[in-house]
C-alpha atoms as a PDB file:
ATOM      1  CA  MET A   1     -31.007 -94.059  -7.943  1.00  0.00           C
ATOM      2  CA  ASP A   2     -30.248 -96.087 -11.080  1.00  0.00           C
ATOM      3  CA  HIS A   3     -29.928 -99.873 -11.162  1.00  0.00           C
ATOM      4  CA  THR A   4     -26.129 -99.806 -11.199  1.00  0.00           C
ATOM      5  CA  THR A   5     -25.986 -97.471  -8.210  1.00  0.00           C
ATOM      6  CA  GLU A   6     -28.386 -99.711  -6.289  1.00  0.00           C
ATOM      7  CA  GLN A   7     -26.178-102.735  -6.961  1.00  0.00           C
ATOM      8  CA  LEU A   8     -23.058-100.879  -5.820  1.00  0.00           C
ATOM      9  CA  THR A   9     -24.780 -99.674  -2.660  1.00  0.00           C
ATOM     10  CA  THR A  10     -25.865-103.233  -1.814  1.00  0.00           C
ATOM     11  CA  LEU A  11     -22.333-104.550  -2.301  1.00  0.00           C
ATOM     12  CA  ALA A  12     -20.902-101.736  -0.196  1.00  0.00           C
ATOM     13  CA  GLU A  13     -23.308-102.579   2.620  1.00  0.00           C
ATOM     14  CA  LYS A  14     -22.269-106.247   2.479  1.00  0.00           C
ATOM     15  CA  ASN A  15     -18.635-105.174   2.837  1.00  0.00           C
ATOM     16  CA  ASN A  16     -19.540-102.832   5.706  1.00  0.00           C
ATOM     17  CA  GLY A  17     -18.158 -99.936   3.707  1.00  0.00           C
ATOM     18  CA  ARG A  18     -14.662-101.427   3.662  1.00  0.00           C
ATOM     19  CA  VAL A  19     -12.222-102.388   0.954  1.00  0.00           C
ATOM     20  CA  ASP A  20     -10.752-105.882   1.229  1.00  0.00           C
ATOM     21  CA  ARG A  21      -7.063-104.992   0.982  1.00  0.00           C
ATOM     22  CA  GLU A  22      -5.921-108.598   1.378  1.00  0.00           C
ATOM     23  CA  LYS A  23      -7.990-109.735  -1.582  1.00  0.00           C
ATOM     24  CA  ILE A  24      -6.656-106.885  -3.709  1.00  0.00           C
ATOM     25  CA  GLN A  25      -3.079-107.801  -2.802  1.00  0.00           C
ATOM     26  CA  LYS A  26      -3.651-111.410  -3.855  1.00  0.00           C
ATOM     27  CA  ALA A  27      -5.220-110.275  -7.112  1.00  0.00           C
ATOM     28  CA  ILE A  28      -2.310-107.948  -7.936  1.00  0.00           C
ATOM     29  CA  THR A  29       0.194-110.702  -7.175  1.00  0.00           C
ATOM     30  CA  MET A  30      -1.672-112.988  -9.567  1.00  0.00           C
ATOM     31  CA  LEU A  31      -1.808-110.227 -12.177  1.00  0.00           C
ATOM     32  CA  LEU A  32       1.959-109.694 -12.012  1.00  0.00           C
ATOM     33  CA  GLU A  33       2.507-113.409 -12.424  1.00  0.00           C
ATOM     34  CA  ALA A  34       0.028-113.555 -15.310  1.00  0.00           C
ATOM     35  CA  VAL A  35       1.867-110.897 -17.323  1.00  0.00           C
ATOM     36  CA  GLY A  36       5.185-112.688 -16.796  1.00  0.00           C
ATOM     37  CA  GLU A  37       6.612-110.664 -13.924  1.00  0.00           C
ATOM     38  CA  ASP A  38       8.196-111.936 -10.729  1.00  0.00           C
ATOM     39  CA  PRO A  39       6.211-110.529  -7.790  1.00  0.00           C
ATOM     40  CA  ASP A  40       9.065-111.520  -5.468  1.00  0.00           C
ATOM     41  CA  ARG A  41      11.686-109.325  -7.074  1.00  0.00           C
ATOM     42  CA  GLU A  42      12.815-106.345  -5.021  1.00  0.00           C
ATOM     43  CA  GLY A  43      11.014-103.624  -6.967  1.00  0.00           C
ATOM     44  CA  LEU A  44       7.654-105.413  -6.776  1.00  0.00           C
ATOM     45  CA  LEU A  45       7.677-106.792  -3.239  1.00  0.00           C
ATOM     46  CA  ASP A  46       5.469-104.031  -1.829  1.00  0.00           C
ATOM     47  CA  THR A  47       3.533-103.293  -5.020  1.00  0.00           C
ATOM     48  CA  PRO A  48       0.418-105.308  -4.058  1.00  0.00           C
ATOM     49  CA  LYS A  49       0.195-103.397  -0.761  1.00  0.00           C
ATOM     50  CA  ARG A  50       0.659-100.060  -2.512  1.00  0.00           C
ATOM     51  CA  VAL A  51      -2.000-100.859  -5.084  1.00  0.00           C
ATOM     52  CA  ALA A  52      -4.448-102.011  -2.403  1.00  0.00           C
ATOM     53  CA  LYS A  53      -3.992 -98.758  -0.494  1.00  0.00           C
ATOM     54  CA  MET A  54      -4.357 -96.745  -3.711  1.00  0.00           C
ATOM     55  CA  TYR A  55      -7.530 -98.554  -4.728  1.00  0.00           C
ATOM     56  CA  GLU A  56      -9.014 -97.966  -1.288  1.00  0.00           C
ATOM     57  CA  GLU A  57      -8.597 -94.233  -1.867  1.00  0.00           C
ATOM     58  CA  MET A  58      -9.559 -94.196  -5.542  1.00  0.00           C
ATOM     59  CA  PHE A  59     -12.726 -96.234  -5.009  1.00  0.00           C
ATOM     60  CA  SER A  60     -13.820 -94.632  -1.729  1.00  0.00           C
ATOM     61  CA  GLY A  61     -16.871 -93.220  -3.499  1.00  0.00           C
ATOM     62  CA  LEU A  62     -18.362 -96.718  -3.648  1.00  0.00           C
ATOM     63  CA  HIS A  63     -19.260 -96.338  -0.002  1.00  0.00           C
ATOM     64  CA  GLN A  64     -20.612 -92.791  -0.214  1.00  0.00           C
ATOM     65  CA  ASP A  65     -23.732 -91.233  -1.675  1.00  0.00           C
ATOM     66  CA  PRO A  66     -23.265 -87.825  -3.365  1.00  0.00           C
ATOM     67  CA  LYS A  67     -26.780 -86.834  -2.291  1.00  0.00           C
ATOM     68  CA  GLU A  68     -25.548 -86.728   1.305  1.00  0.00           C
ATOM     69  CA  TYR A  69     -23.739 -83.464   0.596  1.00  0.00           C
ATOM     70  CA  PHE A  70     -26.990 -81.719  -0.242  1.00  0.00           C
ATOM     71  CA  LYS A  71     -28.823 -82.522   2.977  1.00  0.00           C
ATOM     72  CA  THR A  72     -27.686 -79.224   4.469  1.00  0.00           C
ATOM     73  CA  VAL A  73     -29.327 -76.346   2.639  1.00  0.00           C
ATOM     74  CA  PHE A  74     -29.683 -72.624   3.192  1.00  0.00           C
ATOM     75  CA  ASN A  75     -32.604 -70.349   2.489  1.00  0.00           C
ATOM     76  CA  GLU A  76     -31.432 -67.241   0.696  1.00  0.00           C
ATOM     77  CA  ASP A  77     -33.199 -64.594  -1.345  1.00  0.00           C
ATOM     78  CA  HIS A  78     -31.498 -65.834  -4.490  1.00  0.00           C
ATOM     79  CA  GLU A  79     -33.041 -67.446  -7.537  1.00  0.00           C
ATOM     80  CA  GLU A  80     -30.374 -66.630 -10.095  1.00  0.00           C
ATOM     81  CA  LEU A  81     -27.797 -68.946 -11.600  1.00  0.00           C
ATOM     82  CA  VAL A  82     -25.295 -70.697  -9.333  1.00  0.00           C
ATOM     83  CA  PHE A  83     -22.355 -71.994 -11.371  1.00  0.00           C
ATOM     84  CA  VAL A  84     -19.146 -73.662 -10.211  1.00  0.00           C
ATOM     85  CA  LYS A  85     -16.785 -74.435 -13.062  1.00  0.00           C
ATOM     86  CA  ASP A  86     -13.425 -76.157 -13.482  1.00  0.00           C
ATOM     87  CA  ILE A  87     -13.913 -78.735 -10.733  1.00  0.00           C
ATOM     88  CA  PRO A  88     -10.992 -81.151 -11.265  1.00  0.00           C
ATOM     89  CA  PHE A  89     -11.617 -84.873 -10.873  1.00  0.00           C
ATOM     90  CA  HIS A  90      -9.961 -88.245 -11.450  1.00  0.00           C
ATOM     91  CA  SER A  91     -11.820 -91.470 -12.030  1.00  0.00           C
ATOM     92  CA  MET A  92     -11.292 -95.014 -13.280  1.00  0.00           C
ATOM     93  CA  CYS A  93     -12.880 -96.307 -16.459  1.00  0.00           C
ATOM     94  CA  GLU A  94     -14.907 -99.380 -15.581  1.00  0.00           C
ATOM     95  CA  HIS A  95     -14.282-100.933 -19.002  1.00  0.00           C
ATOM     96  CA  HIS A  96     -10.479-101.096 -18.825  1.00  0.00           C
ATOM     97  CA  LEU A  97      -9.662 -99.994 -15.255  1.00  0.00           C
ATOM     98  CA  VAL A  98      -7.414 -97.191 -16.440  1.00  0.00           C
ATOM     99  CA  PRO A  99      -7.798 -93.552 -15.383  1.00  0.00           C
ATOM    100  CA  PHE A 100      -9.717 -90.745 -16.976  1.00  0.00           C
ATOM    101  CA  TYR A 101      -9.564 -87.213 -15.675  1.00  0.00           C
ATOM    102  CA  GLY A 102     -10.744 -83.735 -16.398  1.00  0.00           C
ATOM    103  CA  LYS A 103     -13.039 -81.000 -15.158  1.00  0.00           C
ATOM    104  CA  ALA A 104     -16.699 -80.796 -14.233  1.00  0.00           C
ATOM    105  CA  HIS A 105     -18.853 -77.676 -14.458  1.00  0.00           C
ATOM    106  CA  VAL A 106     -21.992 -77.635 -12.331  1.00  0.00           C
ATOM    107  CA  ALA A 107     -24.852 -75.160 -12.616  1.00  0.00           C
ATOM    108  CA  TYR A 108     -28.275 -74.964 -11.042  1.00  0.00           C
ATOM    109  CA  LEU A 109     -31.080 -72.429 -10.812  1.00  0.00           C
ATOM    110  CA  PRO A 110     -32.376 -72.293  -7.219  1.00  0.00           C
ATOM    111  CA  LYS A 111     -36.065 -72.422  -6.440  1.00  0.00           C
ATOM    112  CA  ASP A 112     -37.677 -70.819  -3.387  1.00  0.00           C
ATOM    113  CA  GLY A 113     -34.250 -69.572  -2.289  1.00  0.00           C
ATOM    114  CA  LYS A 114     -32.983 -73.102  -1.543  1.00  0.00           C
ATOM    115  CA  VAL A 115     -29.203 -73.241  -2.017  1.00  0.00           C
ATOM    116  CA  THR A 116     -26.308 -75.395  -0.859  1.00  0.00           C
ATOM    117  CA  GLY A 117     -22.683 -74.680  -0.006  1.00  0.00           C
ATOM    118  CA  LEU A 118     -20.499 -74.248  -3.074  1.00  0.00           C
ATOM    119  CA  SER A 119     -17.965 -76.791  -1.801  1.00  0.00           C
ATOM    120  CA  LYS A 120     -20.745 -79.399  -1.693  1.00  0.00           C
ATOM    121  CA  LEU A 121     -21.014 -79.298  -5.468  1.00  0.00           C
ATOM    122  CA  ALA A 122     -17.306 -80.107  -5.777  1.00  0.00           C
ATOM    123  CA  ARG A 123     -17.544 -82.866  -3.177  1.00  0.00           C
ATOM    124  CA  ALA A 124     -20.471 -84.450  -4.995  1.00  0.00           C
ATOM    125  CA  VAL A 125     -18.393 -84.595  -8.179  1.00  0.00           C
ATOM    126  CA  GLU A 126     -15.412 -86.073  -6.342  1.00  0.00           C
ATOM    127  CA  THR A 127     -17.460 -88.732  -4.562  1.00  0.00           C
ATOM    128  CA  THR A 128     -19.232 -89.751  -7.751  1.00  0.00           C
ATOM    129  CA  ALA A 129     -15.922 -90.038  -9.601  1.00  0.00           C
ATOM    130  CA  ARG A 130     -14.209 -92.184  -6.969  1.00  0.00           C
ATOM    131  CA  ARG A 131     -15.446 -95.552  -8.188  1.00  0.00           C
ATOM    132  CA  PRO A 132     -15.237 -97.589 -11.401  1.00  0.00           C
ATOM    133  CA  GLN A 133     -17.155 -95.231 -13.631  1.00  0.00           C
ATOM    134  CA  LEU A 134     -18.382 -93.976 -16.957  1.00  0.00           C
ATOM    135  CA  GLN A 135     -18.156 -90.286 -17.744  1.00  0.00           C
ATOM    136  CA  GLU A 136     -21.795 -90.265 -18.790  1.00  0.00           C
ATOM    137  CA  ARG A 137     -22.816 -91.676 -15.410  1.00  0.00           C
ATOM    138  CA  ILE A 138     -20.831 -89.085 -13.455  1.00  0.00           C
ATOM    139  CA  THR A 139     -22.577 -86.336 -15.390  1.00  0.00           C
ATOM    140  CA  SER A 140     -26.093 -87.647 -14.891  1.00  0.00           C
ATOM    141  CA  THR A 141     -25.577 -88.742 -11.271  1.00  0.00           C
ATOM    142  CA  VAL A 142     -24.487 -85.275 -10.151  1.00  0.00           C
ATOM    143  CA  ALA A 143     -27.358 -83.599 -12.015  1.00  0.00           C
ATOM    144  CA  ASP A 144     -29.925 -86.029 -10.609  1.00  0.00           C
ATOM    145  CA  ALA A 145     -28.609 -85.633  -7.049  1.00  0.00           C
ATOM    146  CA  ILE A 146     -28.992 -81.853  -7.266  1.00  0.00           C
ATOM    147  CA  MET A 147     -32.525 -82.149  -8.627  1.00  0.00           C
ATOM    148  CA  GLU A 148     -33.608 -84.663  -5.986  1.00  0.00           C
ATOM    149  CA  MET A 149     -32.145 -82.921  -2.966  1.00  0.00           C
ATOM    150  CA  LEU A 150     -32.388 -79.204  -3.816  1.00  0.00           C
ATOM    151  CA  ALA A 151     -35.473 -79.272  -6.063  1.00  0.00           C
ATOM    152  CA  PRO A 152     -34.228 -76.323  -8.166  1.00  0.00           C
ATOM    153  CA  HIS A 153     -35.807 -74.969 -11.330  1.00  0.00           C
ATOM    154  CA  GLY A 154     -33.128 -76.907 -13.168  1.00  0.00           C
ATOM    155  CA  ALA A 155     -29.569 -78.231 -13.198  1.00  0.00           C
ATOM    156  CA  TYR A 156     -26.978 -78.361 -15.958  1.00  0.00           C
ATOM    157  CA  VAL A 157     -23.788 -80.405 -15.615  1.00  0.00           C
ATOM    158  CA  ILE A 158     -20.954 -80.484 -18.138  1.00  0.00           C
ATOM    159  CA  VAL A 159     -17.999 -82.853 -17.863  1.00  0.00           C
ATOM    160  CA  GLU A 160     -14.934 -82.842 -20.089  1.00  0.00           C
ATOM    161  CA  ALA A 161     -12.251 -85.489 -19.702  1.00  0.00           C
ATOM    162  CA  GLU A 162      -9.317 -87.253 -21.296  1.00  0.00           C
ATOM    163  CA  HIS A 163      -9.463 -91.036 -21.202  1.00  0.00           C
ATOM    164  CA  MET A 164      -6.283 -93.054 -20.915  1.00  0.00           C
ATOM    165  CA  CYS A 165      -8.019 -95.962 -22.639  1.00  0.00           C
ATOM    166  CA  MET A 166      -7.916 -93.750 -25.747  1.00  0.00           C
ATOM    167  CA  THR A 167      -4.383 -92.443 -25.267  1.00  0.00           C
ATOM    168  CA  MET A 168      -2.486 -95.493 -23.946  1.00  0.00           C
ATOM    169  CA  ARG A 169      -4.189 -98.176 -26.035  1.00  0.00           C
ATOM    170  CA  GLY A 170      -6.640 -98.626 -28.876  1.00  0.00           C
ATOM    171  CA  VAL A 171      -6.715 -95.586 -31.153  1.00  0.00           C
ATOM    172  CA  LYS A 172      -3.916 -93.888 -29.156  1.00  0.00           C
ATOM    173  CA  LYS A 173      -5.085 -90.314 -29.584  1.00  0.00           C
ATOM    174  CA  PRO A 174      -3.563 -88.217 -26.777  1.00  0.00           C
ATOM    175  CA  GLY A 175      -5.240 -84.875 -26.217  1.00  0.00           C
ATOM    176  CA  ALA A 176      -8.670 -86.020 -27.391  1.00  0.00           C
ATOM    177  CA  LYS A 177     -11.354 -84.898 -24.955  1.00  0.00           C
ATOM    178  CA  THR A 178     -14.813 -86.281 -24.379  1.00  0.00           C
ATOM    179  CA  VAL A 179     -17.582 -83.852 -23.370  1.00  0.00           C
ATOM    180  CA  THR A 180     -20.841 -84.996 -21.779  1.00  0.00           C
ATOM    181  CA  THR A 181     -23.793 -82.948 -20.559  1.00  0.00           C
ATOM    182  CA  ALA A 182     -26.840 -83.536 -18.422  1.00  0.00           C
ATOM    183  CA  ALA A 183     -29.674 -81.004 -18.525  1.00  0.00           C
ATOM    184  CA  ARG A 184     -32.484 -81.294 -16.002  1.00  0.00           C
ATOM    185  CA  GLY A 185     -35.610 -79.303 -15.304  1.00  0.00           C
ATOM    186  CA  ILE A 186     -35.871 -75.969 -17.082  1.00  0.00           C
ATOM    187  CA  TYR A 187     -32.490 -76.507 -18.765  1.00  0.00           C
ATOM    188  CA  GLU A 188     -33.869 -79.393 -20.785  1.00  0.00           C
ATOM    189  CA  GLU A 189     -35.942 -77.104 -22.995  1.00  0.00           C
ATOM    190  CA  ASP A 190     -34.616 -73.574 -22.493  1.00  0.00           C
ATOM    191  CA  SER A 191     -31.688 -73.083 -24.875  1.00  0.00           C
ATOM    192  CA  VAL A 192     -31.242 -69.475 -23.713  1.00  0.00           C
ATOM    193  CA  LEU A 193     -30.449 -70.626 -20.185  1.00  0.00           C
ATOM    194  CA  ARG A 194     -28.116 -73.330 -21.471  1.00  0.00           C
ATOM    195  CA  ASN A 195     -26.325 -70.735 -23.605  1.00  0.00           C
ATOM    196  CA  GLU A 196     -25.904 -68.541 -20.520  1.00  0.00           C
ATOM    197  CA  VAL A 197     -24.007 -71.354 -18.821  1.00  0.00           C
ATOM    198  CA  MET A 198     -21.911 -72.037 -21.927  1.00  0.00           C
ATOM    199  CA  THR A 199     -21.025 -68.341 -22.222  1.00  0.00           C
ATOM    200  CA  LEU A 200     -19.869 -68.211 -18.620  1.00  0.00           C
ATOM    201  CA  LEU A 201     -17.927 -71.430 -19.148  1.00  0.00           C
ATOM    202  CA  LYS A 202     -15.866 -69.794 -21.902  1.00  0.00           C
ATOM    203  CA  MET A 203     -15.011 -66.759 -19.759  1.00  0.00           C
ATOM    204  CA  ASP A 204     -11.640 -66.676 -17.969  1.00  0.00           C
END
């Protein structure tokens, strides 16, 4: 667990795993006032409540650990590639608090027949994404969780996403995608195995 994750876990424990909706509502009211809006006008009356409820859902991953999904494992006579691609996700950039979204592709090479349910890989991505995040951190967190809990020969995670902080503001380049990878174990040095994943990724 990295330093940032440890800090978030400590804060989540202090909050008993709950989001303070009332504090969010006050903050959104202040934000509306700060930008020159009238939070008491009809269209905005319930906006703070809506935003608080939305943030509770979007940041639910703050109170969850993606490693939890890998506690249940199965012993199968299988030590070939396991690859789940095109896992959709939405997250919130921690630098500007605007969304980024895309797809994650998760591969691992089981060791000693130790595998997990395929849906667990998708849930680990979703949980990791549901917090103020960086794309690089999502990629490495999922790979590290797989390595720690499943102890495979290796894991390879690829994430591609479009960031609204690049399309709505700043350089304003809609359609630009950012790709990050995290190679662990045997995938760190074996380019043949990495190429196998990349080949499968390009297949429809």
